[in-house]
Each structure stands twice: as structure tokens, then as C-alpha cells.
Amino acid sequence: MGFHSAITDTTDFYGQLTYEHLELSGSFQGNSGSADDNGLGANIGIRSMLTDNIELAGNIGYLDEADESETSFGVSAYYYPIANTAVGVNYEVWDGIDFISANLRIAF
């Protein structure tokens, strides 16, 4: 669930509340393990259209799951080749762990 509010014609402030399901598994030299848990998250950020085709954003997030909490910081860049469709990259840091992702966004 989220919202956004215009700051200027090209810049929005946004927020999200999320329900998270986390699932981890791995194995090494014949040993394996897995864990899963649920939690709640929140994000706030600013995103701005620098040109008609390029959007930059930054955010701060919080996740509370299994009696532990984490704070994240992220930045993203999106390119809109056609109206309502974008491709982008995100970079986030969660407690010293870096995440990089590629995304496809379709707005309707």
C-alpha cells in the first residue's frame, strides 16, 4: 500500500507500507539450511523526472521481522522508452549488504 504527493511538477514524495515474506535457503559441502519469516516494512522517498525520459529516486526503508529490524538506503534510475513503461536499475544497502536489481515498470 502506498501514496505519493507532488512537490513540484516533476518531483514526488512517496511512501509505502509493505507486508514481507522472507525465505532463505542454502547449502555448502553437503550441509543445507533454510529459514522463512514474515514482517512489516515502510519506505519513504523522493523521485524526480530529470527529463521526459529519465527518472532518479532515493529512499529510506525500514523492515521489522522476527524481532529484528533493519534500515535500508536506496537509489534508482529509470528510463522511459515509451509512455507508462520504464526499465531501471536499483541499488540498496541493508545493514552492510548490497543489493542490485534490474526492473521493468508498467503504469496503468
C-alpha atoms as a PDB file:
ATOM      1  CA  MET A   1       0.000   0.000   0.000  1.00  0.00           C
ATOM      2  CA  GLY A   2       1.419   3.384  -0.894  1.00  0.00           C
ATOM      3  CA  PHE A   3       0.850   7.022  -1.682  1.00  0.00           C
ATOM      4  CA  HIS A   4       2.576   9.886  -3.447  1.00  0.00           C
ATOM      5  CA  SER A   5       2.277  13.643  -3.327  1.00  0.00           C
ATOM      6  CA  ALA A   6       3.627  16.166  -5.810  1.00  0.00           C
ATOM      7  CA  ILE A   7       6.301  18.533  -4.519  1.00  0.00           C
ATOM      8  CA  THR A   8       6.777  20.175  -7.937  1.00  0.00           C
ATOM      9  CA  ASP A   9       5.579  19.387 -11.457  1.00  0.00           C
ATOM     10  CA  THR A  10       8.385  16.839 -11.849  1.00  0.00           C
ATOM     11  CA  THR A  11       9.122  15.669  -8.279  1.00  0.00           C
ATOM     12  CA  ASP A  12       7.069  13.453  -5.950  1.00  0.00           C
ATOM     13  CA  PHE A  13       7.357  12.466  -2.314  1.00  0.00           C
ATOM     14  CA  TYR A  14       6.177   8.877  -1.751  1.00  0.00           C
ATOM     15  CA  GLY A  15       5.649   6.342   0.982  1.00  0.00           C
ATOM     16  CA  GLN A  16       4.820   2.641   1.216  1.00  0.00           C
ATOM     17  CA  LEU A  17       3.735   0.196   3.886  1.00  0.00           C
ATOM     18  CA  THR A  18       4.507  -3.408   2.985  1.00  0.00           C
ATOM     19  CA  TYR A  19       3.938  -6.951   4.193  1.00  0.00           C
ATOM     20  CA  GLU A  20       7.087  -9.009   3.610  1.00  0.00           C
ATOM     21  CA  HIS A  21       7.608 -12.754   3.330  1.00  0.00           C
ATOM     22  CA  LEU A  22      11.295 -13.639   3.554  1.00  0.00           C
ATOM     23  CA  GLU A  23      12.621 -17.038   2.579  1.00  0.00           C
ATOM     24  CA  LEU A  24      16.280 -18.087   2.614  1.00  0.00           C
ATOM     25  CA  SER A  25      17.914 -21.384   1.770  1.00  0.00           C
ATOM     26  CA  GLY A  26      21.404 -22.551   1.017  1.00  0.00           C
ATOM     27  CA  SER A  27      23.808 -25.428   1.016  1.00  0.00           C
ATOM     28  CA  PHE A  28      27.553 -25.840   1.315  1.00  0.00           C
ATOM     29  CA  GLN A  29      29.665 -29.002   1.310  1.00  0.00           C
ATOM     30  CA  GLY A  30      26.718 -31.305   1.953  1.00  0.00           C
ATOM     31  CA  ASN A  31      25.146 -29.156   4.664  1.00  0.00           C
ATOM     32  CA  SER A  32      21.962 -27.241   3.994  1.00  0.00           C
ATOM     33  CA  GLY A  33      19.602 -24.965   5.831  1.00  0.00           C
ATOM     34  CA  SER A  34      16.592 -22.786   5.310  1.00  0.00           C
ATOM     35  CA  ALA A  35      14.505 -20.215   7.143  1.00  0.00           C
ATOM     36  CA  ASP A  36      11.427 -18.158   6.446  1.00  0.00           C
ATOM     37  CA  ASP A  37       9.576 -15.421   8.281  1.00  0.00           C
ATOM     38  CA  ASN A  38       7.087 -12.611   7.823  1.00  0.00           C
ATOM     39  CA  GLY A  39       7.403  -8.940   8.652  1.00  0.00           C
ATOM     40  CA  LEU A  40       6.263  -5.392   8.062  1.00  0.00           C
ATOM     41  CA  GLY A  41       8.127  -2.691   6.182  1.00  0.00           C
ATOM     42  CA  ALA A  42       7.943   1.006   5.429  1.00  0.00           C
ATOM     43  CA  ASN A  43       9.663   3.191   2.823  1.00  0.00           C
ATOM     44  CA  ILE A  44       9.744   6.910   2.168  1.00  0.00           C
ATOM     45  CA  GLY A  45      11.455   8.594  -0.725  1.00  0.00           C
ATOM     46  CA  ILE A  46      11.646  11.242  -3.388  1.00  0.00           C
ATOM     47  CA  ARG A  47      11.587  10.656  -7.129  1.00  0.00           C
ATOM     48  CA  SER A  48      12.071  13.203  -9.859  1.00  0.00           C
ATOM     49  CA  MET A  49      11.818  13.269 -13.637  1.00  0.00           C
ATOM     50  CA  LEU A  50      15.062  14.930 -14.757  1.00  0.00           C
ATOM     51  CA  THR A  51      13.952  14.857 -18.390  1.00  0.00           C
ATOM     52  CA  ASP A  52      10.879  13.489 -20.180  1.00  0.00           C
ATOM     53  CA  ASN A  53      12.558  10.043 -20.220  1.00  0.00           C
ATOM     54  CA  ILE A  54      14.807   9.825 -17.140  1.00  0.00           C
ATOM     55  CA  GLU A  55      13.729   9.461 -13.510  1.00  0.00           C
ATOM     56  CA  LEU A  56      16.005   9.374 -10.448  1.00  0.00           C
ATOM     57  CA  ALA A  57      14.902   8.397  -6.941  1.00  0.00           C
ATOM     58  CA  GLY A  58      16.219   7.924  -3.432  1.00  0.00           C
ATOM     59  CA  ASN A  59      14.622   6.241  -0.427  1.00  0.00           C
ATOM     60  CA  ILE A  60      15.000   5.165   3.171  1.00  0.00           C
ATOM     61  CA  GLY A  61      13.367   1.932   4.304  1.00  0.00           C
ATOM     62  CA  TYR A  62      12.684   0.031   7.491  1.00  0.00           C
ATOM     63  CA  LEU A  63      11.891  -3.677   7.931  1.00  0.00           C
ATOM     64  CA  ASP A  64      10.761  -5.379  11.132  1.00  0.00           C
ATOM     65  CA  GLU A  65      10.669  -9.175  11.098  1.00  0.00           C
ATOM     66  CA  ALA A  66      11.317 -11.923  13.629  1.00  0.00           C
ATOM     67  CA  ASP A  67      12.010  -9.407  16.422  1.00  0.00           C
ATOM     68  CA  GLU A  68      14.804  -7.820  14.372  1.00  0.00           C
ATOM     69  CA  SER A  69      14.798  -4.574  12.448  1.00  0.00           C
ATOM     70  CA  GLU A  70      16.841  -3.275   9.541  1.00  0.00           C
ATOM     71  CA  THR A  71      17.194   0.129   7.927  1.00  0.00           C
ATOM     72  CA  SER A  72      17.931   0.464   4.217  1.00  0.00           C
ATOM     73  CA  PHE A  73      19.043   3.211   1.883  1.00  0.00           C
ATOM     74  CA  GLY A  74      18.485   3.072  -1.863  1.00  0.00           C
ATOM     75  CA  VAL A  75      18.787   4.906  -5.146  1.00  0.00           C
ATOM     76  CA  SER A  76      17.301   4.103  -8.537  1.00  0.00           C
ATOM     77  CA  ALA A  77      17.323   5.307 -12.123  1.00  0.00           C
ATOM     78  CA  TYR A  78      14.626   4.606 -14.721  1.00  0.00           C
ATOM     79  CA  TYR A  79      14.452   5.206 -18.454  1.00  0.00           C
ATOM     80  CA  TYR A  80      11.031   5.567 -20.129  1.00  0.00           C
ATOM     81  CA  PRO A  81      11.346   4.494 -23.796  1.00  0.00           C
ATOM     82  CA  ILE A  82       7.557   4.848 -24.263  1.00  0.00           C
ATOM     83  CA  ALA A  83       4.776   6.347 -22.150  1.00  0.00           C
ATOM     84  CA  ASN A  84       3.916   4.404 -18.959  1.00  0.00           C
ATOM     85  CA  THR A  85       6.741   1.869 -19.438  1.00  0.00           C
ATOM     86  CA  ALA A  86      10.191   2.083 -17.867  1.00  0.00           C
ATOM     87  CA  VAL A  87      13.312  -0.011 -17.405  1.00  0.00           C
ATOM     88  CA  GLY A  88      15.538   0.702 -14.460  1.00  0.00           C
ATOM     89  CA  VAL A  89      18.233  -0.249 -12.010  1.00  0.00           C
ATOM     90  CA  ASN A  90      18.127  -0.088  -8.209  1.00  0.00           C
ATOM     91  CA  TYR A  91      20.892  -0.138  -5.634  1.00  0.00           C
ATOM     92  CA  GLU A  92      20.066  -0.725  -1.949  1.00  0.00           C
ATOM     93  CA  VAL A  93      22.140  -1.222   1.190  1.00  0.00           C
ATOM     94  CA  TRP A  94      20.664  -3.269   4.066  1.00  0.00           C
ATOM     95  CA  ASP A  95      22.907  -3.412   7.142  1.00  0.00           C
ATOM     96  CA  GLY A  96      26.074  -3.536   5.029  1.00  0.00           C
ATOM     97  CA  ILE A  97      24.675  -5.938   2.399  1.00  0.00           C
ATOM     98  CA  ASP A  98      24.377  -4.521  -1.125  1.00  0.00           C
ATOM     99  CA  PHE A  99      21.502  -5.364  -3.477  1.00  0.00           C
ATOM    100  CA  ILE A 100      21.420  -4.501  -7.165  1.00  0.00           C
ATOM    101  CA  SER A 101      18.358  -5.170  -9.307  1.00  0.00           C
ATOM    102  CA  ALA A 102      17.051  -4.536 -12.803  1.00  0.00           C
ATOM    103  CA  ASN A 103      13.358  -3.730 -13.194  1.00  0.00           C
ATOM    104  CA  LEU A 104      10.556  -3.316 -15.677  1.00  0.00           C
ATOM    105  CA  ARG A 105       7.815  -0.881 -14.612  1.00  0.00           C
ATOM    106  CA  ILE A 106       4.431  -0.628 -16.362  1.00  0.00           C
ATOM    107  CA  ALA A 107       1.978   2.007 -15.123  1.00  0.00           C
ATOM    108  CA  PHE A 108      -1.743   1.797 -15.817  1.00  0.00           C
END
